[in-house]
N, C-alpha and C. Protein backbone atom coordinates (compact mmCIF):
# COMPACT_ATOMS: atom_id res chain seq x y z
N UNK A 1 14.02 -12.80 19.18
CA UNK A 1 13.17 -13.06 18.04
C UNK A 1 11.88 -13.79 18.37
N UNK A 2 11.56 -14.06 19.63
CA UNK A 2 10.34 -14.81 19.91
C UNK A 2 9.07 -14.06 19.51
N UNK A 3 9.13 -12.71 19.40
CA UNK A 3 7.95 -11.94 19.00
C UNK A 3 7.83 -11.78 17.49
N UNK A 4 8.76 -12.35 16.75
CA UNK A 4 8.73 -12.23 15.29
C UNK A 4 8.14 -13.49 14.68
N UNK A 5 7.51 -13.28 13.55
CA UNK A 5 6.93 -14.40 12.82
C UNK A 5 7.63 -14.48 11.47
N UNK A 6 8.15 -15.64 11.14
CA UNK A 6 8.88 -15.78 9.89
C UNK A 6 7.92 -16.10 8.75
N UNK A 7 8.13 -15.40 7.65
CA UNK A 7 7.34 -15.63 6.44
C UNK A 7 8.30 -15.58 5.26
N UNK A 8 8.39 -16.66 4.55
CA UNK A 8 9.27 -16.72 3.38
C UNK A 8 8.44 -17.01 2.14
N UNK A 9 8.87 -16.40 1.06
CA UNK A 9 8.19 -16.59 -0.21
C UNK A 9 9.27 -16.80 -1.27
N UNK A 10 9.19 -17.88 -1.97
CA UNK A 10 10.16 -18.18 -3.02
C UNK A 10 9.39 -18.38 -4.31
N UNK A 11 9.87 -17.75 -5.35
CA UNK A 11 9.18 -17.85 -6.63
C UNK A 11 10.20 -17.78 -7.74
N UNK A 12 10.15 -18.71 -8.65
CA UNK A 12 11.08 -18.78 -9.78
C UNK A 12 10.28 -18.76 -11.08
N UNK A 13 9.99 -17.57 -11.59
CA UNK A 13 9.17 -17.51 -12.80
C UNK A 13 9.95 -17.97 -14.04
N UNK A 14 9.19 -18.41 -15.02
CA UNK A 14 9.79 -18.82 -16.28
C UNK A 14 10.32 -17.60 -17.01
N UNK A 15 11.49 -17.71 -17.63
CA UNK A 15 12.08 -16.58 -18.35
C UNK A 15 11.13 -16.08 -19.44
N UNK A 16 11.14 -14.77 -19.62
CA UNK A 16 10.35 -14.16 -20.69
C UNK A 16 8.88 -13.92 -20.32
N UNK A 17 8.46 -14.31 -19.11
CA UNK A 17 7.07 -14.10 -18.71
C UNK A 17 6.93 -12.74 -18.01
N UNK A 18 5.70 -12.29 -17.88
CA UNK A 18 5.45 -11.04 -17.16
C UNK A 18 6.02 -11.11 -15.75
N UNK A 19 5.84 -12.24 -15.09
CA UNK A 19 6.35 -12.39 -13.73
C UNK A 19 7.87 -12.31 -13.69
N UNK A 20 8.54 -12.83 -14.72
CA UNK A 20 10.01 -12.76 -14.76
C UNK A 20 10.46 -11.30 -14.84
N UNK A 21 9.76 -10.50 -15.64
CA UNK A 21 10.11 -9.08 -15.73
C UNK A 21 9.82 -8.37 -14.40
N UNK A 22 8.73 -8.75 -13.76
CA UNK A 22 8.40 -8.17 -12.46
C UNK A 22 9.48 -8.48 -11.43
N UNK A 23 9.90 -9.73 -11.36
CA UNK A 23 10.92 -10.13 -10.39
C UNK A 23 12.24 -9.44 -10.71
N UNK A 24 12.60 -9.33 -11.98
CA UNK A 24 13.83 -8.63 -12.36
C UNK A 24 13.77 -7.17 -11.92
N UNK A 25 12.62 -6.54 -12.08
CA UNK A 25 12.44 -5.15 -11.65
C UNK A 25 12.61 -5.05 -10.13
N UNK A 26 11.96 -5.94 -9.39
CA UNK A 26 12.09 -5.93 -7.93
C UNK A 26 13.53 -6.15 -7.50
N UNK A 27 14.22 -7.04 -8.18
CA UNK A 27 15.60 -7.36 -7.81
C UNK A 27 16.56 -6.21 -8.12
N UNK A 28 16.13 -5.24 -8.93
CA UNK A 28 16.99 -4.10 -9.24
C UNK A 28 17.10 -3.14 -8.06
N UNK A 29 16.25 -3.33 -7.05
CA UNK A 29 16.29 -2.52 -5.84
C UNK A 29 17.08 -3.26 -4.76
N UNK A 30 17.65 -2.53 -3.84
CA UNK A 30 18.34 -3.14 -2.71
C UNK A 30 17.35 -3.91 -1.86
N UNK A 31 17.85 -4.86 -1.09
CA UNK A 31 16.99 -5.74 -0.30
C UNK A 31 16.07 -4.96 0.64
N UNK A 32 16.62 -4.01 1.37
CA UNK A 32 15.81 -3.25 2.33
C UNK A 32 14.73 -2.43 1.64
N UNK A 33 15.11 -1.72 0.58
CA UNK A 33 14.13 -0.91 -0.15
C UNK A 33 13.08 -1.79 -0.82
N UNK A 34 13.53 -2.90 -1.38
CA UNK A 34 12.61 -3.83 -2.04
C UNK A 34 11.60 -4.37 -1.04
N UNK A 35 12.07 -4.71 0.14
CA UNK A 35 11.20 -5.29 1.16
C UNK A 35 10.20 -4.25 1.69
N UNK A 36 10.71 -3.10 2.14
CA UNK A 36 9.86 -2.11 2.81
C UNK A 36 9.03 -1.27 1.86
N UNK A 37 9.66 -0.71 0.83
CA UNK A 37 8.99 0.27 -0.01
C UNK A 37 8.18 -0.33 -1.14
N UNK A 38 8.47 -1.56 -1.48
CA UNK A 38 7.75 -2.14 -2.62
C UNK A 38 6.87 -3.29 -2.19
N UNK A 39 7.46 -4.34 -1.70
CA UNK A 39 6.69 -5.55 -1.41
C UNK A 39 5.73 -5.36 -0.24
N UNK A 40 6.24 -4.91 0.90
CA UNK A 40 5.35 -4.73 2.06
C UNK A 40 4.33 -3.61 1.83
N UNK A 41 4.75 -2.56 1.13
CA UNK A 41 3.81 -1.48 0.83
C UNK A 41 2.64 -1.99 -0.01
N UNK A 42 2.94 -2.83 -1.00
CA UNK A 42 1.88 -3.38 -1.84
C UNK A 42 0.99 -4.34 -1.05
N UNK A 43 1.59 -5.19 -0.24
CA UNK A 43 0.80 -6.11 0.57
C UNK A 43 -0.09 -5.35 1.55
N UNK A 44 0.47 -4.32 2.18
CA UNK A 44 -0.34 -3.53 3.12
C UNK A 44 -1.51 -2.87 2.42
N UNK A 45 -1.25 -2.28 1.27
CA UNK A 45 -2.32 -1.57 0.56
C UNK A 45 -3.45 -2.52 0.16
N UNK A 46 -3.10 -3.71 -0.25
CA UNK A 46 -4.12 -4.66 -0.70
C UNK A 46 -4.79 -5.41 0.45
N UNK A 47 -4.04 -5.75 1.49
CA UNK A 47 -4.56 -6.71 2.46
C UNK A 47 -4.59 -6.29 3.92
N UNK A 48 -3.87 -5.24 4.32
CA UNK A 48 -3.79 -4.89 5.74
C UNK A 48 -5.15 -4.60 6.37
N UNK A 49 -6.01 -3.79 5.77
CA UNK A 49 -7.31 -3.56 6.42
C UNK A 49 -8.11 -4.85 6.64
N UNK A 50 -8.04 -5.76 5.68
CA UNK A 50 -8.75 -7.04 5.83
C UNK A 50 -8.13 -7.90 6.92
N UNK A 51 -6.80 -7.87 7.01
CA UNK A 51 -6.11 -8.64 8.06
C UNK A 51 -6.48 -8.09 9.44
N UNK A 52 -6.54 -6.76 9.56
CA UNK A 52 -6.92 -6.15 10.84
C UNK A 52 -8.35 -6.49 11.21
N UNK A 53 -9.22 -6.50 10.21
CA UNK A 53 -10.63 -6.85 10.47
C UNK A 53 -10.73 -8.30 10.94
N UNK A 54 -9.98 -9.18 10.29
CA UNK A 54 -9.99 -10.60 10.68
C UNK A 54 -9.44 -10.80 12.09
N UNK A 55 -8.56 -9.88 12.53
CA UNK A 55 -7.98 -9.96 13.87
C UNK A 55 -8.84 -9.22 14.90
N UNK A 56 -10.01 -8.77 14.49
CA UNK A 56 -10.95 -8.06 15.38
C UNK A 56 -10.35 -6.80 16.00
N UNK A 57 -9.58 -6.06 15.22
CA UNK A 57 -9.04 -4.78 15.67
C UNK A 57 -10.19 -3.76 15.67
N UNK A 58 -10.08 -2.75 16.50
CA UNK A 58 -11.13 -1.74 16.64
C UNK A 58 -11.49 -1.13 15.28
N UNK A 59 -12.79 -1.02 14.99
CA UNK A 59 -13.24 -0.51 13.68
C UNK A 59 -12.68 0.87 13.33
N UNK A 60 -12.52 1.76 14.32
CA UNK A 60 -12.02 3.10 13.98
C UNK A 60 -10.57 3.05 13.51
N UNK A 61 -9.80 2.11 14.03
CA UNK A 61 -8.41 1.95 13.59
C UNK A 61 -8.38 1.34 12.20
N UNK A 62 -9.21 0.33 11.98
CA UNK A 62 -9.29 -0.29 10.65
C UNK A 62 -9.69 0.75 9.61
N UNK A 63 -10.65 1.60 9.96
CA UNK A 63 -11.12 2.62 9.02
C UNK A 63 -10.01 3.59 8.67
N UNK A 64 -9.30 4.08 9.67
CA UNK A 64 -8.21 5.02 9.41
C UNK A 64 -7.11 4.39 8.57
N UNK A 65 -6.72 3.17 8.92
CA UNK A 65 -5.69 2.49 8.16
C UNK A 65 -6.20 2.18 6.75
N UNK A 66 -7.46 1.80 6.66
CA UNK A 66 -8.06 1.53 5.34
C UNK A 66 -8.02 2.75 4.44
N UNK A 67 -8.35 3.92 4.99
CA UNK A 67 -8.29 5.16 4.21
C UNK A 67 -6.86 5.46 3.78
N UNK A 68 -5.91 5.25 4.71
CA UNK A 68 -4.50 5.48 4.36
C UNK A 68 -4.08 4.58 3.21
N UNK A 69 -4.46 3.30 3.29
CA UNK A 69 -4.05 2.36 2.25
C UNK A 69 -4.78 2.63 0.93
N UNK A 70 -6.02 3.08 0.99
CA UNK A 70 -6.70 3.50 -0.24
C UNK A 70 -5.97 4.69 -0.87
N UNK A 71 -5.47 5.59 -0.04
CA UNK A 71 -4.67 6.71 -0.54
C UNK A 71 -3.40 6.22 -1.20
N UNK A 72 -2.76 5.19 -0.61
CA UNK A 72 -1.56 4.62 -1.22
C UNK A 72 -1.88 3.95 -2.56
N UNK A 73 -3.00 3.26 -2.63
CA UNK A 73 -3.42 2.66 -3.90
C UNK A 73 -3.70 3.73 -4.95
N UNK A 74 -4.34 4.82 -4.53
CA UNK A 74 -4.63 5.93 -5.43
C UNK A 74 -3.34 6.54 -5.97
N UNK A 75 -2.36 6.71 -5.10
CA UNK A 75 -1.07 7.27 -5.53
C UNK A 75 -0.41 6.35 -6.55
N UNK A 76 -0.50 5.04 -6.31
CA UNK A 76 0.09 4.08 -7.26
C UNK A 76 -0.65 4.12 -8.59
N UNK A 77 -1.97 4.25 -8.55
CA UNK A 77 -2.74 4.35 -9.80
C UNK A 77 -2.31 5.60 -10.58
N UNK A 78 -2.12 6.71 -9.88
CA UNK A 78 -1.67 7.94 -10.55
C UNK A 78 -0.29 7.77 -11.15
N UNK A 79 0.60 7.09 -10.44
CA UNK A 79 1.94 6.82 -10.97
C UNK A 79 1.84 6.00 -12.25
N UNK A 80 1.02 4.96 -12.22
CA UNK A 80 0.85 4.12 -13.41
C UNK A 80 0.23 4.91 -14.56
N UNK A 81 -0.77 5.73 -14.26
CA UNK A 81 -1.39 6.56 -15.31
C UNK A 81 -0.35 7.47 -15.96
N UNK A 82 0.49 8.09 -15.14
CA UNK A 82 1.52 8.99 -15.68
C UNK A 82 2.48 8.25 -16.58
N UNK A 83 2.95 7.09 -16.14
CA UNK A 83 3.88 6.32 -16.96
C UNK A 83 3.21 5.79 -18.22
N UNK A 84 1.97 5.34 -18.10
CA UNK A 84 1.28 4.82 -19.28
C UNK A 84 0.93 5.93 -20.27
N UNK A 85 0.62 7.12 -19.76
CA UNK A 85 0.27 8.22 -20.66
C UNK A 85 1.48 8.65 -21.49
N UNK A 86 2.69 8.44 -20.95
CA UNK A 86 3.89 8.72 -21.74
C UNK A 86 3.99 7.78 -22.93
N UNK A 87 3.53 6.55 -22.74
CA UNK A 87 3.57 5.55 -23.81
C UNK A 87 2.40 5.70 -24.77
N UNK A 88 1.28 6.14 -24.24
CA UNK A 88 0.07 6.27 -25.04
C UNK A 88 -0.72 7.49 -24.57
N UNK A 89 -0.45 8.67 -25.14
CA UNK A 89 -1.12 9.90 -24.70
C UNK A 89 -2.64 9.83 -24.77
N UNK A 90 -3.19 8.93 -25.56
CA UNK A 90 -4.65 8.82 -25.64
C UNK A 90 -5.25 8.36 -24.32
N UNK A 91 -4.43 7.77 -23.44
CA UNK A 91 -4.93 7.36 -22.14
C UNK A 91 -5.44 8.54 -21.33
N UNK A 92 -4.84 9.71 -21.53
CA UNK A 92 -5.30 10.89 -20.80
C UNK A 92 -6.76 11.18 -21.14
N UNK A 93 -7.12 10.99 -22.39
CA UNK A 93 -8.51 11.23 -22.80
C UNK A 93 -9.42 10.17 -22.20
N UNK A 94 -8.95 8.92 -22.16
CA UNK A 94 -9.76 7.83 -21.61
C UNK A 94 -10.02 8.04 -20.13
N UNK A 95 -9.01 8.51 -19.39
CA UNK A 95 -9.15 8.72 -17.95
C UNK A 95 -9.82 10.04 -17.65
N UNK A 96 -9.82 10.92 -18.63
CA UNK A 96 -10.46 12.22 -18.43
C UNK A 96 -9.52 13.20 -17.78
N UNK A 97 -9.71 14.46 -18.10
CA UNK A 97 -8.87 15.50 -17.53
C UNK A 97 -9.77 16.54 -16.88
N UNK A 98 -10.78 16.07 -16.16
CA UNK A 98 -11.75 16.95 -15.54
C UNK A 98 -11.26 17.36 -14.16
N UNK A 99 -10.76 18.58 -14.05
CA UNK A 99 -10.21 19.03 -12.78
C UNK A 99 -11.29 19.28 -11.74
N UNK A 100 -12.56 19.24 -12.16
CA UNK A 100 -13.62 19.46 -11.18
C UNK A 100 -13.86 18.22 -10.33
N UNK A 101 -13.36 17.06 -10.79
CA UNK A 101 -13.51 15.83 -10.02
C UNK A 101 -12.54 15.86 -8.85
N UNK A 102 -13.01 15.48 -7.69
CA UNK A 102 -12.12 15.42 -6.54
C UNK A 102 -11.25 14.18 -6.66
N UNK A 103 -9.99 14.34 -6.36
CA UNK A 103 -9.12 13.16 -6.33
C UNK A 103 -9.37 12.42 -5.02
N UNK A 104 -8.96 11.19 -5.00
CA UNK A 104 -9.11 10.41 -3.76
C UNK A 104 -8.30 11.06 -2.65
N UNK A 105 -7.10 11.54 -2.98
CA UNK A 105 -6.25 12.16 -1.96
C UNK A 105 -6.96 13.35 -1.33
N UNK A 106 -7.66 14.14 -2.14
CA UNK A 106 -8.40 15.29 -1.61
C UNK A 106 -9.50 14.81 -0.67
N UNK A 107 -10.22 13.77 -1.09
CA UNK A 107 -11.28 13.22 -0.24
C UNK A 107 -10.71 12.67 1.06
N UNK A 108 -9.55 12.00 0.96
CA UNK A 108 -8.90 11.43 2.13
C UNK A 108 -8.54 12.52 3.13
N UNK A 109 -8.04 13.64 2.63
CA UNK A 109 -7.64 14.72 3.52
C UNK A 109 -8.81 15.36 4.24
N UNK A 110 -10.03 15.18 3.71
CA UNK A 110 -11.21 15.74 4.35
C UNK A 110 -11.75 14.85 5.47
N UNK A 111 -11.24 13.62 5.58
CA UNK A 111 -11.73 12.68 6.59
C UNK A 111 -11.32 13.11 7.98
N UNK A 112 -12.11 12.70 8.95
CA UNK A 112 -11.73 12.95 10.34
C UNK A 112 -10.46 12.17 10.64
N UNK A 113 -9.61 12.77 11.43
CA UNK A 113 -8.35 12.11 11.76
C UNK A 113 -8.14 12.11 13.27
N UNK A 114 -9.08 11.54 14.01
CA UNK A 114 -8.95 11.55 15.46
C UNK A 114 -8.10 10.39 15.97
N UNK A 115 -7.74 9.46 15.11
CA UNK A 115 -6.83 8.38 15.49
C UNK A 115 -5.57 8.58 14.65
N UNK A 116 -4.45 8.74 15.33
CA UNK A 116 -3.20 8.99 14.61
C UNK A 116 -2.66 7.67 14.07
N UNK A 117 -2.48 7.61 12.77
CA UNK A 117 -1.94 6.43 12.11
C UNK A 117 -0.66 6.84 11.40
N UNK A 118 0.44 6.16 11.63
CA UNK A 118 1.70 6.54 10.99
C UNK A 118 1.62 6.35 9.47
N UNK A 119 2.32 7.17 8.73
CA UNK A 119 2.33 7.09 7.27
C UNK A 119 3.32 6.07 6.74
N UNK A 120 4.28 5.67 7.55
CA UNK A 120 5.26 4.68 7.11
C UNK A 120 5.02 3.37 7.83
N UNK A 121 5.50 2.30 7.23
CA UNK A 121 5.36 0.99 7.85
C UNK A 121 6.13 0.89 9.15
N UNK A 122 5.58 0.19 10.10
CA UNK A 122 6.22 -0.01 11.39
C UNK A 122 6.51 -1.48 11.59
N UNK A 123 7.39 -1.75 12.53
CA UNK A 123 7.64 -3.14 12.88
C UNK A 123 6.40 -3.67 13.60
N UNK A 124 6.29 -4.97 13.70
CA UNK A 124 5.15 -5.56 14.40
C UNK A 124 5.08 -5.06 15.84
N UNK A 125 6.23 -4.97 16.48
CA UNK A 125 6.26 -4.50 17.87
C UNK A 125 5.75 -3.07 17.98
N UNK A 126 6.19 -2.21 17.06
CA UNK A 126 5.73 -0.82 17.07
C UNK A 126 4.22 -0.73 16.80
N UNK A 127 3.73 -1.58 15.90
CA UNK A 127 2.29 -1.58 15.60
C UNK A 127 1.50 -2.02 16.83
N UNK A 128 1.98 -3.07 17.51
CA UNK A 128 1.26 -3.56 18.69
C UNK A 128 1.26 -2.51 19.80
N UNK A 129 2.40 -1.82 19.97
CA UNK A 129 2.47 -0.76 20.98
C UNK A 129 1.46 0.34 20.66
N UNK A 130 1.36 0.70 19.38
CA UNK A 130 0.41 1.72 18.98
C UNK A 130 -1.03 1.29 19.21
N UNK A 131 -1.32 0.03 18.94
CA UNK A 131 -2.68 -0.48 19.12
C UNK A 131 -3.04 -0.59 20.61
N UNK A 132 -2.05 -0.82 21.46
CA UNK A 132 -2.31 -0.94 22.89
C UNK A 132 -2.86 0.35 23.47
N UNK A 133 -2.53 1.48 22.85
CA UNK A 133 -3.06 2.77 23.32
C UNK A 133 -4.58 2.79 23.25
N UNK A 134 -5.14 1.95 22.39
CA UNK A 134 -6.58 1.93 22.19
C UNK A 134 -7.23 0.72 22.85
N UNK A 135 -6.53 0.12 23.81
CA UNK A 135 -7.04 -1.03 24.57
C UNK A 135 -7.45 -2.18 23.67
N UNK A 136 -6.61 -2.50 22.72
CA UNK A 136 -6.92 -3.58 21.79
C UNK A 136 -6.12 -4.79 22.18
């Protein structure tokens, strides 16, 4: 475990608050799924490109990972739009239904992909091994 860094987060929201509902939703998932597919995915999408930039990682890697995470954020926005439109169909009109607009995912797929970036989260060791290929 010497190559691992421990990070713990404890939060006890007040009952009946938005945060309490959020934590209850997260707790409805198994520990592994909650950690990898929800919490770490959200943290990566919001903060990983900035963390890599702060660590002086090569710009081309930051760019590729940044595009991937923007794609993940776009997918989450679409998921939320779909769920919200079920509750309020007028949201479809507010967001527009113009199929001529390119989606972010379409734009992402048009980007150059000369640096291979995995689509799933990796362990720190796997990430470092991948970055070593680029002399970082």
